[in-house]
C-alpha cells in the first residue's frame, strides 16, 4: 500500500509540473472502479471474484498530441475461500501518446501507442510457487470520440497478447465508463470486467 501511495504522489507531481509548461490542456481524474476478475492459470479457470479499485488518470494536450498517464490499483472485495490461486491485489501503471485526427466538427479518432507495468500479488504461493509477479507490456490502438461519448480499443502485448476495451461518456465533468481488460503473462491470464466512475479536474 505504501508503494502505491508513493507512486500516486510521484505521478501527480510529474504530470502537473513537467507537461504544464507546454500543455494547452491538462486534466486530472481520480476514479473508483468495481467489477469482476476472472483468473486462468495453466489453462485452467480458477474462478471469478468481485474486486474494487481506485486510480488517478492525467491527460494533457499539446497541439494535436494527446498524452495520458494512468495509475490504478484493485483488491479483492470478497473472501478467496479455496481460490488461493487468484491474486487478491493488483497494481497497474500505463502511459500512452496519441495524435488526434478530426474527422468532422464532432467526431475524431486518436491512434495511440504506449507502455505499461502490471503487478499481481496473491495471499499464498500457487502451483507455480510465486506470490508476486510483475511485467511490462506494450500498448497499441485507437480512441474514437463523438461529442461527450467515446470508445477505446487497444492491444496489450507482454509475452502474451491481450487487449482492452472501454466505452464511456462525460457529463458535467463526471465520467462513467464500462471496461474490459485482458492481460496475460507466462502461464496466467487476468480478465477484468467492470465500471468506472471519475470526476475530471481541469488544471489548464
Foldseek 3Di string as FASTA:
>chain_A
DVVLVVVVVVVVVCQCPPCVVQFPWKKKKKKKKWWKKWKDFQNRTLDIFIKIKIWMKMWTDHPQKIKMKIKMKMATPDDCVPSQVAFGIKIKIWMKIWGWDDPDPFKIKTWMKTKMKMKTATPAQDPVRDGIDMFMWIKTWMKMGGHFKIKTKIWIDTPDIWIKIKIWGDDPQKIKMWMWTWDDDDRMIMIITIMMIIGMDIPD
